[in-house]
Amino acid sequence: MADINIPDDLILLERSAWEQIQAGTLTVETAQAVQQRITEIAAETGQPRNDVEMQVKRIVRHPQADGS
């Protein structure tokens, strides 16, 4: 999987979704917003949508793996 430049707004959306998931309060609106933005970034970069989703989840859920 190639490194994809994930914009800050998508990271913030995913971070919000992840916090809601952990709290058991994830809303359909939040989930849809994340998925829509992932789809937009995939189209803009020409990368597979699944690759974009995996990378943003890795950044948010496992930041130590990226050295952040």
PDB file of N, CA and C in Angstrom:
ATOM      1  N   MET A   1       0.846  -1.178   0.000  1.00  0.00           N
ATOM      2  CA  MET A   1       0.000   0.000   0.000  1.00  0.00           C
ATOM      3  C   MET A   1       0.890   1.239   0.000  1.00  0.00           C
ATOM      4  N   ALA A   2       0.656   2.137  -0.922  1.00  0.00           N
ATOM      5  CA  ALA A   2       1.412   3.379  -1.011  1.00  0.00           C
ATOM      6  C   ALA A   2       0.964   4.338   0.091  1.00  0.00           C
ATOM      7  N   ASP A   3       1.922   5.150   0.563  1.00  0.00           N
ATOM      8  CA  ASP A   3       1.535   6.178   1.521  1.00  0.00           C
ATOM      9  C   ASP A   3       0.706   7.229   0.807  1.00  0.00           C
ATOM     10  N   ILE A   4      -0.393   7.563   1.392  1.00  0.00           N
ATOM     11  CA  ILE A   4      -1.322   8.535   0.821  1.00  0.00           C
ATOM     12  C   ILE A   4      -1.328   9.741   1.748  1.00  0.00           C
ATOM     13  N   ASN A   5      -1.289  10.920   1.175  1.00  0.00           N
ATOM     14  CA  ASN A   5      -1.341  12.132   1.973  1.00  0.00           C
ATOM     15  C   ASN A   5      -2.775  12.308   2.478  1.00  0.00           C
ATOM     16  N   ILE A   6      -2.986  11.979   3.731  1.00  0.00           N
ATOM     17  CA  ILE A   6      -4.311  12.063   4.329  1.00  0.00           C
ATOM     18  C   ILE A   6      -4.503  13.473   4.886  1.00  0.00           C
ATOM     19  N   PRO A   7      -5.516  14.194   4.399  1.00  0.00           N
ATOM     20  CA  PRO A   7      -5.738  15.561   4.882  1.00  0.00           C
ATOM     21  C   PRO A   7      -6.176  15.595   6.348  1.00  0.00           C
ATOM     22  N   ASP A   8      -5.871  16.705   6.992  1.00  0.00           N
ATOM     23  CA  ASP A   8      -6.191  16.873   8.406  1.00  0.00           C
ATOM     24  C   ASP A   8      -7.681  16.738   8.687  1.00  0.00           C
ATOM     25  N   ASP A   9      -8.532  17.221   7.772  1.00  0.00           N
ATOM     26  CA  ASP A   9      -9.969  17.156   8.033  1.00  0.00           C
ATOM     27  C   ASP A   9     -10.452  15.706   8.111  1.00  0.00           C
ATOM     28  N   LEU A  10      -9.875  14.818   7.302  1.00  0.00           N
ATOM     29  CA  LEU A  10     -10.266  13.410   7.360  1.00  0.00           C
ATOM     30  C   LEU A  10      -9.760  12.771   8.652  1.00  0.00           C
ATOM     31  N   ILE A  11      -8.574  13.135   9.070  1.00  0.00           N
ATOM     32  CA  ILE A  11      -8.048  12.617  10.339  1.00  0.00           C
ATOM     33  C   ILE A  11      -8.947  13.056  11.494  1.00  0.00           C
ATOM     34  N   LEU A  12      -9.381  14.307  11.480  1.00  0.00           N
ATOM     35  CA  LEU A  12     -10.273  14.792  12.539  1.00  0.00           C
ATOM     36  C   LEU A  12     -11.611  14.065  12.517  1.00  0.00           C
ATOM     37  N   LEU A  13     -12.161  13.834  11.322  1.00  0.00           N
ATOM     38  CA  LEU A  13     -13.415  13.086  11.212  1.00  0.00           C
ATOM     39  C   LEU A  13     -13.256  11.672  11.767  1.00  0.00           C
ATOM     40  N   GLU A  14     -12.183  10.997  11.373  1.00  0.00           N
ATOM     41  CA  GLU A  14     -11.955   9.625  11.830  1.00  0.00           C
ATOM     42  C   GLU A  14     -11.708   9.600  13.331  1.00  0.00           C
ATOM     43  N   ARG A  15     -10.993  10.581  13.844  1.00  0.00           N
ATOM     44  CA  ARG A  15     -10.735  10.642  15.282  1.00  0.00           C
ATOM     45  C   ARG A  15     -12.053  10.788  16.050  1.00  0.00           C
ATOM     46  N   SER A  16     -12.936  11.628  15.541  1.00  0.00           N
ATOM     47  CA  SER A  16     -14.247  11.807  16.153  1.00  0.00           C
ATOM     48  C   SER A  16     -15.038  10.501  16.119  1.00  0.00           C
ATOM     49  N   ALA A  17     -15.027   9.828  14.975  1.00  0.00           N
ATOM     50  CA  ALA A  17     -15.730   8.549  14.847  1.00  0.00           C
ATOM     51  C   ALA A  17     -15.146   7.519  15.807  1.00  0.00           C
ATOM     52  N   TRP A  18     -13.831   7.450  15.907  1.00  0.00           N
ATOM     53  CA  TRP A  18     -13.185   6.473  16.774  1.00  0.00           C
ATOM     54  C   TRP A  18     -13.549   6.722  18.237  1.00  0.00           C
ATOM     55  N   GLU A  19     -13.574   7.994  18.639  1.00  0.00           N
ATOM     56  CA  GLU A  19     -13.973   8.332  20.007  1.00  0.00           C
ATOM     57  C   GLU A  19     -15.418   7.913  20.259  1.00  0.00           C
ATOM     58  N   GLN A  20     -16.284   8.142  19.271  1.00  0.00           N
ATOM     59  CA  GLN A  20     -17.681   7.737  19.413  1.00  0.00           C
ATOM     60  C   GLN A  20     -17.815   6.212  19.465  1.00  0.00           C
ATOM     61  N   ILE A  21     -17.045   5.519  18.667  1.00  0.00           N
ATOM     62  CA  ILE A  21     -17.072   4.046  18.695  1.00  0.00           C
ATOM     63  C   ILE A  21     -16.692   3.554  20.082  1.00  0.00           C
ATOM     64  N   GLN A  22     -15.625   4.100  20.621  1.00  0.00           N
ATOM     65  CA  GLN A  22     -15.157   3.664  21.945  1.00  0.00           C
ATOM     66  C   GLN A  22     -16.171   3.974  23.042  1.00  0.00           C
ATOM     67  N   ALA A  23     -16.924   5.070  22.862  1.00  0.00           N
ATOM     68  CA  ALA A  23     -17.925   5.450  23.856  1.00  0.00           C
ATOM     69  C   ALA A  23     -19.270   4.775  23.606  1.00  0.00           C
ATOM     70  N   GLY A  24     -19.394   4.088  22.476  1.00  0.00           N
ATOM     71  CA  GLY A  24     -20.655   3.450  22.134  1.00  0.00           C
ATOM     72  C   GLY A  24     -21.712   4.418  21.660  1.00  0.00           C
ATOM     73  N   THR A  25     -21.256   5.548  21.086  1.00  0.00           N
ATOM     74  CA  THR A  25     -22.199   6.590  20.676  1.00  0.00           C
ATOM     75  C   THR A  25     -22.076   6.979  19.203  1.00  0.00           C
ATOM     76  N   LEU A  26     -21.473   6.127  18.400  1.00  0.00           N
ATOM     77  CA  LEU A  26     -21.282   6.455  16.984  1.00  0.00           C
ATOM     78  C   LEU A  26     -22.626   6.696  16.310  1.00  0.00           C
ATOM     79  N   THR A  27     -22.721   7.817  15.601  1.00  0.00           N
ATOM     80  CA  THR A  27     -23.948   8.147  14.887  1.00  0.00           C
ATOM     81  C   THR A  27     -23.796   7.802  13.408  1.00  0.00           C
ATOM     82  N   VAL A  28     -24.914   7.597  12.777  1.00  0.00           N
ATOM     83  CA  VAL A  28     -24.917   7.330  11.338  1.00  0.00           C
ATOM     84  C   VAL A  28     -24.311   8.523  10.596  1.00  0.00           C
ATOM     85  N   GLU A  29     -24.619   9.714  11.046  1.00  0.00           N
ATOM     86  CA  GLU A  29     -24.117  10.921  10.385  1.00  0.00           C
ATOM     87  C   GLU A  29     -22.595  10.979  10.418  1.00  0.00           C
ATOM     88  N   THR A  30     -22.004  10.650  11.565  1.00  0.00           N
ATOM     89  CA  THR A  30     -20.542  10.656  11.676  1.00  0.00           C
ATOM     90  C   THR A  30     -19.939   9.595  10.775  1.00  0.00           C
ATOM     91  N   ALA A  31     -20.490   8.394  10.817  1.00  0.00           N
ATOM     92  CA  ALA A  31     -19.972   7.302   9.982  1.00  0.00           C
ATOM     93  C   ALA A  31     -20.080   7.648   8.503  1.00  0.00           C
ATOM     94  N   GLN A  32     -21.195   8.231   8.101  1.00  0.00           N
ATOM     95  CA  GLN A  32     -21.376   8.607   6.698  1.00  0.00           C
ATOM     96  C   GLN A  32     -20.400   9.708   6.288  1.00  0.00           C
ATOM     97  N   ALA A  33     -20.161  10.663   7.166  1.00  0.00           N
ATOM     98  CA  ALA A  33     -19.232  11.751   6.850  1.00  0.00           C
ATOM     99  C   ALA A  33     -17.826  11.210   6.624  1.00  0.00           C
ATOM    100  N   VAL A  34     -17.405  10.270   7.469  1.00  0.00           N
ATOM    101  CA  VAL A  34     -16.082   9.670   7.315  1.00  0.00           C
ATOM    102  C   VAL A  34     -16.009   8.924   5.984  1.00  0.00           C
ATOM    103  N   GLN A  35     -16.995   8.095   5.709  1.00  0.00           N
ATOM    104  CA  GLN A  35     -16.978   7.303   4.482  1.00  0.00           C
ATOM    105  C   GLN A  35     -17.026   8.182   3.230  1.00  0.00           C
ATOM    106  N   GLN A  36     -17.813   9.237   3.277  1.00  0.00           N
ATOM    107  CA  GLN A  36     -17.884  10.152   2.131  1.00  0.00           C
ATOM    108  C   GLN A  36     -16.533  10.811   1.880  1.00  0.00           C
ATOM    109  N   ARG A  37     -15.887  11.261   2.945  1.00  0.00           N
ATOM    110  CA  ARG A  37     -14.583  11.933   2.785  1.00  0.00           C
ATOM    111  C   ARG A  37     -13.520  10.952   2.317  1.00  0.00           C
ATOM    112  N   ILE A  38     -13.555   9.713   2.805  1.00  0.00           N
ATOM    113  CA  ILE A  38     -12.620   8.692   2.337  1.00  0.00           C
ATOM    114  C   ILE A  38     -12.797   8.485   0.842  1.00  0.00           C
ATOM    115  N   THR A  39     -14.038   8.403   0.394  1.00  0.00           N
ATOM    116  CA  THR A  39     -14.331   8.206  -1.025  1.00  0.00           C
ATOM    117  C   THR A  39     -13.819   9.385  -1.851  1.00  0.00           C
ATOM    118  N   GLU A  40     -13.988  10.601  -1.344  1.00  0.00           N
ATOM    119  CA  GLU A  40     -13.495  11.793  -2.053  1.00  0.00           C
ATOM    120  C   GLU A  40     -11.972  11.770  -2.182  1.00  0.00           C
ATOM    121  N   ILE A  41     -11.283  11.445  -1.093  1.00  0.00           N
ATOM    122  CA  ILE A  41      -9.820  11.417  -1.122  1.00  0.00           C
ATOM    123  C   ILE A  41      -9.335  10.329  -2.071  1.00  0.00           C
ATOM    124  N   ALA A  42      -9.994   9.191  -2.064  1.00  0.00           N
ATOM    125  CA  ALA A  42      -9.619   8.114  -2.982  1.00  0.00           C
ATOM    126  C   ALA A  42      -9.756   8.578  -4.427  1.00  0.00           C
ATOM    127  N   ALA A  43     -10.836   9.256  -4.737  1.00  0.00           N
ATOM    128  CA  ALA A  43     -11.044   9.746  -6.100  1.00  0.00           C
ATOM    129  C   ALA A  43     -10.001  10.803  -6.470  1.00  0.00           C
ATOM    130  N   GLU A  44      -9.696  11.687  -5.525  1.00  0.00           N
ATOM    131  CA  GLU A  44      -8.719  12.753  -5.782  1.00  0.00           C
ATOM    132  C   GLU A  44      -7.311  12.209  -5.995  1.00  0.00           C
ATOM    133  N   THR A  45      -6.956  11.167  -5.256  1.00  0.00           N
ATOM    134  CA  THR A  45      -5.590  10.644  -5.322  1.00  0.00           C
ATOM    135  C   THR A  45      -5.429   9.477  -6.286  1.00  0.00           C
ATOM    136  N   GLY A  46      -6.556   8.903  -6.724  1.00  0.00           N
ATOM    137  CA  GLY A  46      -6.488   7.746  -7.607  1.00  0.00           C
ATOM    138  C   GLY A  46      -6.118   6.466  -6.885  1.00  0.00           C
ATOM    139  N   GLN A  47      -6.204   6.492  -5.560  1.00  0.00           N
ATOM    140  CA  GLN A  47      -5.885   5.316  -4.748  1.00  0.00           C
ATOM    141  C   GLN A  47      -7.159   4.522  -4.472  1.00  0.00           C
ATOM    142  N   PRO A  48      -7.039   3.227  -4.251  1.00  0.00           N
ATOM    143  CA  PRO A  48      -8.220   2.447  -3.869  1.00  0.00           C
ATOM    144  C   PRO A  48      -8.814   2.967  -2.554  1.00  0.00           C
ATOM    145  N   ARG A  49     -10.131   3.027  -2.502  1.00  0.00           N
ATOM    146  CA  ARG A  49     -10.821   3.544  -1.321  1.00  0.00           C
ATOM    147  C   ARG A  49     -10.425   2.761  -0.063  1.00  0.00           C
ATOM    148  N   ASN A  50     -10.289   1.459  -0.190  1.00  0.00           N
ATOM    149  CA  ASN A  50      -9.909   0.638   0.964  1.00  0.00           C
ATOM    150  C   ASN A  50      -8.525   0.998   1.485  1.00  0.00           C
ATOM    151  N   ASP A  51      -7.603   1.337   0.584  1.00  0.00           N
ATOM    152  CA  ASP A  51      -6.257   1.739   1.016  1.00  0.00           C
ATOM    153  C   ASP A  51      -6.306   3.044   1.801  1.00  0.00           C
ATOM    154  N   VAL A  52      -7.117   3.986   1.323  1.00  0.00           N
ATOM    155  CA  VAL A  52      -7.261   5.260   2.033  1.00  0.00           C
ATOM    156  C   VAL A  52      -7.854   5.009   3.418  1.00  0.00           C
ATOM    157  N   GLU A  53      -8.892   4.183   3.474  1.00  0.00           N
ATOM    158  CA  GLU A  53      -9.536   3.894   4.755  1.00  0.00           C
ATOM    159  C   GLU A  53      -8.573   3.214   5.723  1.00  0.00           C
ATOM    160  N   MET A  54      -7.825   2.239   5.248  1.00  0.00           N
ATOM    161  CA  MET A  54      -6.872   1.548   6.121  1.00  0.00           C
ATOM    162  C   MET A  54      -5.812   2.501   6.649  1.00  0.00           C
ATOM    163  N   GLN A  55      -5.331   3.391   5.788  1.00  0.00           N
ATOM    164  CA  GLN A  55      -4.282   4.305   6.233  1.00  0.00           C
ATOM    165  C   GLN A  55      -4.803   5.297   7.271  1.00  0.00           C
ATOM    166  N   VAL A  56      -5.976   5.859   7.042  1.00  0.00           N
ATOM    167  CA  VAL A  56      -6.496   6.830   8.013  1.00  0.00           C
ATOM    168  C   VAL A  56      -6.803   6.151   9.346  1.00  0.00           C
ATOM    169  N   LYS A  57      -7.300   4.923   9.313  1.00  0.00           N
ATOM    170  CA  LYS A  57      -7.555   4.203  10.566  1.00  0.00           C
ATOM    171  C   LYS A  57      -6.250   3.894  11.287  1.00  0.00           C
ATOM    172  N   ARG A  58      -5.210   3.544  10.541  1.00  0.00           N
ATOM    173  CA  ARG A  58      -3.912   3.278  11.167  1.00  0.00           C
ATOM    174  C   ARG A  58      -3.372   4.548  11.823  1.00  0.00           C
ATOM    175  N   ILE A  59      -3.501   5.674  11.135  1.00  0.00           N
ATOM    176  CA  ILE A  59      -3.014   6.948  11.683  1.00  0.00           C
ATOM    177  C   ILE A  59      -3.724   7.281  12.992  1.00  0.00           C
ATOM    178  N   VAL A  60      -5.047   7.112  13.008  1.00  0.00           N
ATOM    179  CA  VAL A  60      -5.835   7.496  14.179  1.00  0.00           C
ATOM    180  C   VAL A  60      -5.752   6.459  15.296  1.00  0.00           C
ATOM    181  N   ARG A  61      -5.851   5.182  14.941  1.00  0.00           N
ATOM    182  CA  ARG A  61      -5.960   4.142  15.969  1.00  0.00           C
ATOM    183  C   ARG A  61      -4.621   3.604  16.441  1.00  0.00           C
ATOM    184  N   HIS A  62      -3.583   3.766  15.636  1.00  0.00           N
ATOM    185  CA  HIS A  62      -2.260   3.224  15.991  1.00  0.00           C
ATOM    186  C   HIS A  62      -1.167   4.248  15.650  1.00  0.00           C
ATOM    187  N   PRO A  63      -1.229   5.435  16.231  1.00  0.00           N
ATOM    188  CA  PRO A  63      -0.273   6.489  15.862  1.00  0.00           C
ATOM    189  C   PRO A  63       1.172   6.127  16.146  1.00  0.00           C
ATOM    190  N   GLN A  64       1.430   5.279  17.130  1.00  0.00           N
ATOM    191  CA  GLN A  64       2.796   4.897  17.452  1.00  0.00           C
ATOM    192  C   GLN A  64       3.443   4.124  16.312  1.00  0.00           C
ATOM    193  N   ALA A  65       2.659   3.449  15.484  1.00  0.00           N
ATOM    194  CA  ALA A  65       3.203   2.677  14.355  1.00  0.00           C
ATOM    195  C   ALA A  65       3.759   3.595  13.274  1.00  0.00           C
ATOM    196  N   ASP A  66       3.276   4.855  13.231  1.00  0.00           N
ATOM    197  CA  ASP A  66       3.746   5.823  12.246  1.00  0.00           C
ATOM    198  C   ASP A  66       4.823   6.737  12.816  1.00  0.00           C
ATOM    199  N   GLY A  67       5.210   6.511  14.050  1.00  0.00           N
ATOM    200  CA  GLY A  67       6.227   7.344  14.674  1.00  0.00           C
ATOM    201  C   GLY A  67       5.705   8.670  15.127  1.00  0.00           C
ATOM    202  N   SER A  68       4.379   8.828  15.168  1.00  0.00           N
ATOM    203  CA  SER A  68       3.779  10.096  15.591  1.00  0.00           C
ATOM    204  C   SER A  68       3.694  10.196  17.092  1.00  0.00           C
TER     205      SER A  68
END
